[in-house]
C-alpha atoms as a PDB file:
ATOM      1  CA  UNK A   1      78.523 101.021  99.439  1.00  0.00           C
ATOM      2  CA  UNK A   2      80.704  99.412  96.758  1.00  0.00           C
ATOM      3  CA  UNK A   3      84.279  98.682  97.685  1.00  0.00           C
ATOM      4  CA  UNK A   4      87.152  98.482  95.228  1.00  0.00           C
ATOM      5  CA  UNK A   5      90.147  96.210  95.539  1.00  0.00           C
ATOM      6  CA  UNK A   6      93.200  98.179  94.467  1.00  0.00           C
ATOM      7  CA  UNK A   7      96.047  96.252  92.866  1.00  0.00           C
ATOM      8  CA  UNK A   8      99.456  97.637  93.769  1.00  0.00           C
ATOM      9  CA  UNK A   9     102.049  95.620  91.912  1.00  0.00           C
ATOM     10  CA  UNK A  10     105.153  97.342  93.298  1.00  0.00           C
ATOM     11  CA  UNK A  11     106.579  96.097  96.629  1.00  0.00           C
ATOM     12  CA  UNK A  12     107.212  99.750  97.564  1.00  0.00           C
ATOM     13  CA  UNK A  13     105.695 102.998  96.330  1.00  0.00           C
ATOM     14  CA  UNK A  14     105.576 106.578  97.599  1.00  0.00           C
ATOM     15  CA  UNK A  15     104.134 109.845  96.325  1.00  0.00           C
ATOM     16  CA  UNK A  16     102.836 113.240  97.430  1.00  0.00           C
ATOM     17  CA  UNK A  17      99.135 113.864  96.801  1.00  0.00           C
ATOM     18  CA  UNK A  18      97.344 117.226  96.625  1.00  0.00           C
ATOM     19  CA  UNK A  19      93.685 117.529  97.696  1.00  0.00           C
ATOM     20  CA  UNK A  20      93.275 113.772  97.793  1.00  0.00           C
ATOM     21  CA  UNK A  21      89.735 112.368  97.667  1.00  0.00           C
ATOM     22  CA  UNK A  22      89.458 108.637  96.994  1.00  0.00           C
ATOM     23  CA  UNK A  23      86.489 106.260  97.373  1.00  0.00           C
ATOM     24  CA  UNK A  24      86.278 103.226  99.630  1.00  0.00           C
ATOM     25  CA  UNK A  25      88.913 100.654  98.715  1.00  0.00           C
ATOM     26  CA  UNK A  26      91.351  98.171 100.171  1.00  0.00           C
ATOM     27  CA  UNK A  27      94.615  96.546  99.151  1.00  0.00           C
ATOM     28  CA  UNK A  28      97.172  94.072 100.390  1.00  0.00           C
ATOM     29  CA  UNK A  29      99.820  96.701 101.160  1.00  0.00           C
ATOM     30  CA  UNK A  30     100.554  98.693 104.299  1.00  0.00           C
ATOM     31  CA  UNK A  31      99.820 102.396 103.851  1.00  0.00           C
ATOM     32  CA  UNK A  32     101.360 105.205 105.916  1.00  0.00           C
ATOM     33  CA  UNK A  33      99.996 108.712 105.444  1.00  0.00           C
ATOM     34  CA  UNK A  34     101.373 111.904 106.989  1.00  0.00           C
ATOM     35  CA  UNK A  35      99.752 115.306 106.436  1.00  0.00           C
ATOM     36  CA  UNK A  36     102.215 117.906 105.145  1.00  0.00           C
ATOM     37  CA  UNK A  37      99.691 120.756 105.086  1.00  0.00           C
ATOM     38  CA  UNK A  38      95.947 121.374 105.314  1.00  0.00           C
ATOM     39  CA  UNK A  39      93.597 118.687 106.613  1.00  0.00           C
ATOM     40  CA  UNK A  40      92.002 115.475 105.384  1.00  0.00           C
ATOM     41  CA  UNK A  41      89.346 113.052 106.578  1.00  0.00           C
ATOM     42  CA  UNK A  42      90.319 109.384 106.421  1.00  0.00           C
ATOM     43  CA  UNK A  43      87.809 106.618 107.096  1.00  0.00           C
ATOM     44  CA  UNK A  44      89.074 103.176 108.104  1.00  0.00           C
ATOM     45  CA  UNK A  45      86.693 100.313 108.863  1.00  0.00           C
ATOM     46  CA  UNK A  46      83.812 102.821 109.039  1.00  0.00           C
ATOM     47  CA  UNK A  47      85.602 104.977 111.652  1.00  0.00           C
ATOM     48  CA  UNK A  48      86.416 108.559 110.695  1.00  0.00           C
ATOM     49  CA  UNK A  49      89.667 110.341 111.550  1.00  0.00           C
ATOM     50  CA  UNK A  50      90.372 114.006 110.856  1.00  0.00           C
ATOM     51  CA  UNK A  51      94.063 114.653 110.304  1.00  0.00           C
ATOM     52  CA  UNK A  52      95.783 118.034 110.278  1.00  0.00           C
ATOM     53  CA  UNK A  53      99.345 119.085 109.509  1.00  0.00           C
ATOM     54  CA  UNK A  54     101.874 116.715 111.100  1.00  0.00           C
ATOM     55  CA  UNK A  55      99.344 113.991 111.951  1.00  0.00           C
ATOM     56  CA  UNK A  56      99.974 110.445 110.739  1.00  0.00           C
ATOM     57  CA  UNK A  57      97.864 107.340 110.188  1.00  0.00           C
ATOM     58  CA  UNK A  58      98.803 103.711 109.480  1.00  0.00           C
ATOM     59  CA  UNK A  59      96.476 101.511 107.424  1.00  0.00           C
ATOM     60  CA  UNK A  60      97.197  97.795 107.719  1.00  0.00           C
ATOM     61  CA  UNK A  61      96.601  95.299 104.840  1.00  0.00           C
ATOM     62  CA  UNK A  62      93.014  94.606 103.743  1.00  0.00           C
ATOM     63  CA  UNK A  63      91.432  97.402 105.797  1.00  0.00           C
ATOM     64  CA  UNK A  64      88.683  99.255 103.867  1.00  0.00           C
ATOM     65  CA  UNK A  65      89.477 102.980 103.798  1.00  0.00           C
ATOM     66  CA  UNK A  66      88.723 106.199 101.947  1.00  0.00           C
ATOM     67  CA  UNK A  67      90.038 109.781 101.730  1.00  0.00           C
ATOM     68  CA  UNK A  68      88.136 113.061 101.602  1.00  0.00           C
ATOM     69  CA  UNK A  69      89.517 116.586 101.325  1.00  0.00           C
ATOM     70  CA  UNK A  70      87.007 119.332 102.097  1.00  0.00           C
ATOM     71  CA  UNK A  71      89.201 122.399 101.573  1.00  0.00           C
ATOM     72  CA  UNK A  72      92.844 121.592 100.858  1.00  0.00           C
ATOM     73  CA  UNK A  73      95.401 118.956 101.767  1.00  0.00           C
ATOM     74  CA  UNK A  74      98.914 117.891 100.877  1.00  0.00           C
ATOM     75  CA  UNK A  75      99.868 114.434 102.077  1.00  0.00           C
ATOM     76  CA  UNK A  76     102.803 112.057 101.754  1.00  0.00           C
ATOM     77  CA  UNK A  77     101.780 108.440 101.157  1.00  0.00           C
ATOM     78  CA  UNK A  78     104.011 105.398 101.515  1.00  0.00           C
ATOM     79  CA  UNK A  79     102.862 101.918 100.429  1.00  0.00           C
ATOM     80  CA  UNK A  80     104.725  98.644 100.887  1.00  0.00           C
ATOM     81  CA  UNK A  81     104.095  94.910 101.035  1.00  0.00           C
ATOM     82  CA  UNK A  82     103.955  93.475 104.542  1.00  0.00           C
ATOM     83  CA  UNK A  83     106.899  91.264 103.591  1.00  0.00           C
ATOM     84  CA  UNK A  84     108.981  94.207 102.289  1.00  0.00           C
ATOM     85  CA  UNK A  85     110.687  95.253 105.565  1.00  0.00           C
ATOM     86  CA  UNK A  86     111.168  91.620 106.667  1.00  0.00           C
ATOM     87  CA  UNK A  87     111.307  91.668 110.458  1.00  0.00           C
ATOM     88  CA  UNK A  88     107.841  93.197 110.944  1.00  0.00           C
ATOM     89  CA  UNK A  89     105.823  90.941 108.624  1.00  0.00           C
ATOM     90  CA  UNK A  90     104.186  89.087 111.534  1.00  0.00           C
ATOM     91  CA  UNK A  91     102.917  92.257 113.196  1.00  0.00           C
ATOM     92  CA  UNK A  92     101.650  93.656 109.913  1.00  0.00           C
ATOM     93  CA  UNK A  93      99.724  90.537 108.858  1.00  0.00           C
ATOM     94  CA  UNK A  94      98.442  89.207 112.183  1.00  0.00           C
ATOM     95  CA  UNK A  95      97.573  92.427 114.024  1.00  0.00           C
ATOM     96  CA  UNK A  96      95.728  95.696 113.453  1.00  0.00           C
ATOM     97  CA  UNK A  97      95.907  98.936 115.483  1.00  0.00           C
ATOM     98  CA  UNK A  98      93.201  99.695 118.041  1.00  0.00           C
ATOM     99  CA  UNK A  99      93.672 103.340 117.055  1.00  0.00           C
ATOM    100  CA  UNK A 100      95.664 103.852 113.831  1.00  0.00           C
ATOM    101  CA  UNK A 101      96.185 107.620 114.049  1.00  0.00           C
ATOM    102  CA  UNK A 102      99.082 109.376 115.770  1.00  0.00           C
ATOM    103  CA  UNK A 103      98.709 113.159 116.223  1.00  0.00           C
ATOM    104  CA  UNK A 104     101.822 115.212 115.638  1.00  0.00           C
ATOM    105  CA  UNK A 105     102.227 115.725 119.401  1.00  0.00           C
ATOM    106  CA  UNK A 106     102.536 111.949 119.935  1.00  0.00           C
ATOM    107  CA  UNK A 107     104.611 111.139 116.886  1.00  0.00           C
ATOM    108  CA  UNK A 108     108.115 109.810 117.673  1.00  0.00           C
ATOM    109  CA  UNK A 109     110.602 112.537 116.764  1.00  0.00           C
ATOM    110  CA  UNK A 110     112.535 110.717 113.962  1.00  0.00           C
ATOM    111  CA  UNK A 111     109.391 109.769 111.992  1.00  0.00           C
ATOM    112  CA  UNK A 112     108.678 112.907 109.882  1.00  0.00           C
ATOM    113  CA  UNK A 113     112.290 113.317 108.728  1.00  0.00           C
ATOM    114  CA  UNK A 114     112.650 109.558 108.127  1.00  0.00           C
ATOM    115  CA  UNK A 115     109.517 109.500 105.962  1.00  0.00           C
ATOM    116  CA  UNK A 116     110.783 112.490 104.004  1.00  0.00           C
ATOM    117  CA  UNK A 117     114.140 110.781 103.443  1.00  0.00           C
ATOM    118  CA  UNK A 118     112.425 107.528 102.472  1.00  0.00           C
ATOM    119  CA  UNK A 119     110.316 109.324  99.871  1.00  0.00           C
ATOM    120  CA  UNK A 120     113.398 111.125  98.510  1.00  0.00           C
ATOM    121  CA  UNK A 121     115.311 107.845  98.191  1.00  0.00           C
ATOM    122  CA  UNK A 122     112.385 106.309  96.321  1.00  0.00           C
ATOM    123  CA  UNK A 123     112.071 109.207  93.867  1.00  0.00           C
ATOM    124  CA  UNK A 124     115.827 109.010  93.262  1.00  0.00           C
ATOM    125  CA  UNK A 125     115.423 105.279  92.502  1.00  0.00           C
ATOM    126  CA  UNK A 126     117.943 104.297  95.133  1.00  0.00           C
ATOM    127  CA  UNK A 127     118.772 100.724  96.151  1.00  0.00           C
ATOM    128  CA  UNK A 128     115.835  98.736  97.560  1.00  0.00           C
ATOM    129  CA  UNK A 129     117.988  97.788 100.540  1.00  0.00           C
ATOM    130  CA  UNK A 130     118.056 101.429 101.603  1.00  0.00           C
ATOM    131  CA  UNK A 131     114.271 101.643 101.273  1.00  0.00           C
ATOM    132  CA  UNK A 132     113.875  98.491 103.367  1.00  0.00           C
ATOM    133  CA  UNK A 133     116.238  99.833 106.028  1.00  0.00           C
ATOM    134  CA  UNK A 134     114.385 103.135 106.395  1.00  0.00           C
ATOM    135  CA  UNK A 135     111.005 101.363 106.348  1.00  0.00           C
ATOM    136  CA  UNK A 136     112.188  99.100 109.181  1.00  0.00           C
ATOM    137  CA  UNK A 137     113.403 102.074 111.206  1.00  0.00           C
ATOM    138  CA  UNK A 138     110.050 103.840 110.767  1.00  0.00           C
ATOM    139  CA  UNK A 139     108.100 100.724 111.801  1.00  0.00           C
ATOM    140  CA  UNK A 140     110.433 100.243 114.751  1.00  0.00           C
ATOM    141  CA  UNK A 141     109.332 103.634 116.071  1.00  0.00           C
ATOM    142  CA  UNK A 142     105.688 103.485 114.969  1.00  0.00           C
ATOM    143  CA  UNK A 143     104.488 100.036 116.012  1.00  0.00           C
ATOM    144  CA  UNK A 144     105.222 100.406 119.755  1.00  0.00           C
ATOM    145  CA  UNK A 145     103.210 103.654 119.629  1.00  0.00           C
ATOM    146  CA  UNK A 146     100.164 101.846 118.226  1.00  0.00           C
ATOM    147  CA  UNK A 147      98.016  99.607 120.387  1.00  0.00           C
ATOM    148  CA  UNK A 148      98.003  96.432 118.298  1.00  0.00           C
ATOM    149  CA  UNK A 149      95.399  93.717 118.684  1.00  0.00           C
ATOM    150  CA  UNK A 150      95.692  90.244 117.212  1.00  0.00           C
ATOM    151  CA  UNK A 151      93.221  89.265 114.521  1.00  0.00           C
ATOM    152  CA  UNK A 152      91.938  85.925 113.311  1.00  0.00           C
ATOM    153  CA  UNK A 153      90.780  86.303 109.720  1.00  0.00           C
ATOM    154  CA  UNK A 154      88.216  83.533 110.208  1.00  0.00           C
ATOM    155  CA  UNK A 155      86.496  85.468 113.018  1.00  0.00           C
ATOM    156  CA  UNK A 156      87.365  89.136 113.310  1.00  0.00           C
ATOM    157  CA  UNK A 157      87.319  90.429 109.752  1.00  0.00           C
ATOM    158  CA  UNK A 158      84.237  91.012 107.670  1.00  0.00           C
ATOM    159  CA  UNK A 159      83.503  88.669 104.801  1.00  0.00           C
ATOM    160  CA  UNK A 160      85.445  90.514 102.095  1.00  0.00           C
ATOM    161  CA  UNK A 161      88.469  90.956 104.309  1.00  0.00           C
ATOM    162  CA  UNK A 162      88.375  87.321 105.415  1.00  0.00           C
ATOM    163  CA  UNK A 163      88.357  86.147 101.816  1.00  0.00           C
ATOM    164  CA  UNK A 164      91.153  88.464 100.684  1.00  0.00           C
ATOM    165  CA  UNK A 165      93.278  87.787 103.756  1.00  0.00           C
ATOM    166  CA  UNK A 166      93.026  84.051 103.136  1.00  0.00           C
ATOM    167  CA  UNK A 167      93.809  84.441  99.428  1.00  0.00           C
ATOM    168  CA  UNK A 168      96.834  86.616 100.237  1.00  0.00           C
ATOM    169  CA  UNK A 169      98.199  83.815 102.407  1.00  0.00           C
ATOM    170  CA  UNK A 170      97.443  80.979  99.987  1.00  0.00           C
ATOM    171  CA  UNK A 171      97.421  82.285  96.396  1.00  0.00           C
ATOM    172  CA  UNK A 172     100.645  80.413  95.602  1.00  0.00           C
ATOM    173  CA  UNK A 173      98.900  77.124  96.383  1.00  0.00           C
ATOM    174  CA  UNK A 174      96.251  75.353  94.287  1.00  0.00           C
ATOM    175  CA  UNK A 175      93.129  77.246  95.308  1.00  0.00           C
ATOM    176  CA  UNK A 176      89.542  76.791  94.171  1.00  0.00           C
ATOM    177  CA  UNK A 177      86.211  78.310  95.141  1.00  0.00           C
ATOM    178  CA  UNK A 178      85.268  75.000  96.763  1.00  0.00           C
ATOM    179  CA  UNK A 179      88.435  74.949  98.890  1.00  0.00           C
ATOM    180  CA  UNK A 180      87.969  78.578  99.934  1.00  0.00           C
ATOM    181  CA  UNK A 181      84.312  77.960 100.765  1.00  0.00           C
ATOM    182  CA  UNK A 182      85.146  74.965 102.940  1.00  0.00           C
ATOM    183  CA  UNK A 183      88.041  76.694 104.722  1.00  0.00           C
ATOM    184  CA  UNK A 184      86.117  79.861 105.588  1.00  0.00           C
ATOM    185  CA  UNK A 185      82.624  78.397 105.933  1.00  0.00           C
ATOM    186  CA  UNK A 186      81.213  80.766 103.317  1.00  0.00           C
ATOM    187  CA  UNK A 187      79.019  79.691 100.415  1.00  0.00           C
ATOM    188  CA  UNK A 188      80.977  79.512  97.176  1.00  0.00           C
ATOM    189  CA  UNK A 189      78.109  81.307  95.462  1.00  0.00           C
ATOM    190  CA  UNK A 190      78.447  84.197  97.928  1.00  0.00           C
ATOM    191  CA  UNK A 191      82.222  84.293  97.383  1.00  0.00           C
ATOM    192  CA  UNK A 192      81.728  84.345  93.617  1.00  0.00           C
ATOM    193  CA  UNK A 193      79.186  87.171  93.906  1.00  0.00           C
ATOM    194  CA  UNK A 194      81.502  89.216  96.132  1.00  0.00           C
ATOM    195  CA  UNK A 195      84.245  89.028  93.532  1.00  0.00           C
ATOM    196  CA  UNK A 196      81.950  89.959  90.655  1.00  0.00           C
ATOM    197  CA  UNK A 197      79.790  92.596  92.383  1.00  0.00           C
ATOM    198  CA  UNK A 198      82.167  94.142  94.903  1.00  0.00           C
ATOM    199  CA  UNK A 199      85.634  93.614  93.436  1.00  0.00           C
ATOM    200  CA  UNK A 200      84.571  93.736  89.780  1.00  0.00           C
ATOM    201  CA  UNK A 201      86.532  90.653  88.769  1.00  0.00           C
ATOM    202  CA  UNK A 202      86.150  86.883  88.863  1.00  0.00           C
ATOM    203  CA  UNK A 203      87.674  84.680  91.549  1.00  0.00           C
ATOM    204  CA  UNK A 204      89.972  83.031  88.990  1.00  0.00           C
ATOM    205  CA  UNK A 205      91.066  86.347  87.450  1.00  0.00           C
ATOM    206  CA  UNK A 206      91.768  87.745  90.912  1.00  0.00           C
ATOM    207  CA  UNK A 207      93.980  84.779  91.823  1.00  0.00           C
ATOM    208  CA  UNK A 208      95.785  84.958  88.500  1.00  0.00           C
ATOM    209  CA  UNK A 209      96.239  88.705  88.917  1.00  0.00           C
ATOM    210  CA  UNK A 210      97.950  88.173  92.274  1.00  0.00           C
ATOM    211  CA  UNK A 211     100.190  85.515  90.748  1.00  0.00           C
ATOM    212  CA  UNK A 212     100.972  87.676  87.704  1.00  0.00           C
ATOM    213  CA  UNK A 213     101.937  90.579  89.996  1.00  0.00           C
ATOM    214  CA  UNK A 214     104.412  88.358  91.828  1.00  0.00           C
ATOM    215  CA  UNK A 215     105.769  87.073  88.507  1.00  0.00           C
ATOM    216  CA  UNK A 216     106.204  90.651  87.295  1.00  0.00           C
ATOM    217  CA  UNK A 217     108.280  91.472  90.373  1.00  0.00           C
ATOM    218  CA  UNK A 218     110.414  88.323  89.889  1.00  0.00           C
ATOM    219  CA  UNK A 219     110.937  89.103  86.199  1.00  0.00           C
ATOM    220  CA  UNK A 220     112.138  92.549  87.174  1.00  0.00           C
ATOM    221  CA  UNK A 221     114.288  91.672  90.173  1.00  0.00           C
ATOM    222  CA  UNK A 222     115.801  88.259  89.299  1.00  0.00           C
ATOM    223  CA  UNK A 223     117.412  86.514  86.346  1.00  0.00           C
ATOM    224  CA  UNK A 224     115.476  83.287  86.865  1.00  0.00           C
ATOM    225  CA  UNK A 225     114.178  81.645  83.671  1.00  0.00           C
ATOM    226  CA  UNK A 226     110.607  82.541  82.748  1.00  0.00           C
ATOM    227  CA  UNK A 227     109.514  78.915  83.159  1.00  0.00           C
ATOM    228  CA  UNK A 228     110.805  78.801  86.734  1.00  0.00           C
ATOM    229  CA  UNK A 229     109.156  82.122  87.572  1.00  0.00           C
ATOM    230  CA  UNK A 230     105.819  80.845  86.267  1.00  0.00           C
ATOM    231  CA  UNK A 231     105.812  77.959  88.736  1.00  0.00           C
ATOM    232  CA  UNK A 232     107.297  80.067  91.568  1.00  0.00           C
ATOM    233  CA  UNK A 233     104.328  82.415  91.126  1.00  0.00           C
ATOM    234  CA  UNK A 234     101.786  79.613  91.546  1.00  0.00           C
ATOM    235  CA  UNK A 235     100.842  78.837  87.947  1.00  0.00           C
ATOM    236  CA  UNK A 236     100.471  75.174  87.031  1.00  0.00           C
ATOM    237  CA  UNK A 237     101.280  75.618  83.340  1.00  0.00           C
ATOM    238  CA  UNK A 238     103.165  77.987  81.078  1.00  0.00           C
ATOM    239  CA  UNK A 239     100.055  78.464  78.972  1.00  0.00           C
ATOM    240  CA  UNK A 240      97.988  79.757  81.910  1.00  0.00           C
ATOM    241  CA  UNK A 241     100.908  81.944  83.006  1.00  0.00           C
ATOM    242  CA  UNK A 242     101.315  83.603  79.604  1.00  0.00           C
ATOM    243  CA  UNK A 243      97.572  84.112  79.242  1.00  0.00           C
ATOM    244  CA  UNK A 244      97.178  85.664  82.722  1.00  0.00           C
ATOM    245  CA  UNK A 245     100.288  87.851  82.411  1.00  0.00           C
ATOM    246  CA  UNK A 246      99.254  89.262  79.040  1.00  0.00           C
ATOM    247  CA  UNK A 247      95.738  89.915  80.337  1.00  0.00           C
ATOM    248  CA  UNK A 248      97.153  91.821  83.312  1.00  0.00           C
ATOM    249  CA  UNK A 249      99.948  93.778  81.586  1.00  0.00           C
ATOM    250  CA  UNK A 250      99.143  93.703  77.868  1.00  0.00           C
ATOM    251  CA  UNK A 251     102.443  92.061  76.893  1.00  0.00           C
ATOM    252  CA  UNK A 252     104.034  88.639  77.328  1.00  0.00           C
ATOM    253  CA  UNK A 253     106.498  87.899  80.156  1.00  0.00           C
ATOM    254  CA  UNK A 254     109.345  87.717  77.642  1.00  0.00           C
ATOM    255  CA  UNK A 255     108.411  91.089  76.160  1.00  0.00           C
ATOM    256  CA  UNK A 256     108.223  92.594  79.647  1.00  0.00           C
ATOM    257  CA  UNK A 257     111.653  91.281  80.534  1.00  0.00           C
ATOM    258  CA  UNK A 258     113.124  92.536  77.231  1.00  0.00           C
ATOM    259  CA  UNK A 259     111.682  96.003  77.870  1.00  0.00           C
ATOM    260  CA  UNK A 260     113.371  96.282  81.266  1.00  0.00           C
ATOM    261  CA  UNK A 261     116.656  94.922  79.929  1.00  0.00           C
ATOM    262  CA  UNK A 262     117.170  91.987  82.293  1.00  0.00           C
ATOM    263  CA  UNK A 263     119.920  89.707  80.988  1.00  0.00           C
ATOM    264  CA  UNK A 264     119.238  85.990  81.412  1.00  0.00           C
END
């Protein structure tokens, strides 16, 4: 079965979804889903979980998953970068849950109301510091309730996950197919084919897309000069930065910054 890699450029995102059905995909963000009404089947790493009203599931970065609604469902989804809440980055990048689902009967009491408040703050476009605070509180209750096991991306993850996990850790560094092949012990031809056939992009475009996403966030959240942001995001020249950014977003970095009104 084909798997899609889903780019989520925002460090935090939340929405309510009705009758969600979504094919197999993975992404670098943490995903928390709580069922508000109805029921939904969620598959993670080829294991199926049936969630009903009040049940919650946590999907860690780079875990293949899909959604299927048979009759009806209304779910609240929260996505955030592992680095977004700060204190829990280590747990979110170096561990995965033995069992990611928490039924409503086992859910710590503050979680449903905290998720609802977090979503409300996001839709009201409140300060990111508030979002980070609520996300940390939620993780503080959730993670002890999950049985976490440590992972080693060179051993425990399947080939696609191993590649993407390594790239997520090293995309700011000079990175080539040859280096990735040597580090993971995977043929560079296999890596190249995985990107083209499974992720529907090239290795170089994928790396540049990750760097462009970071640059976009820095353009939006800082007043650093564009040149400095280009190198902070891992590009080795302004020319490659401008080309990759325009390919990803359809406009130049300067145009993007002008549109959001950041004063330099």
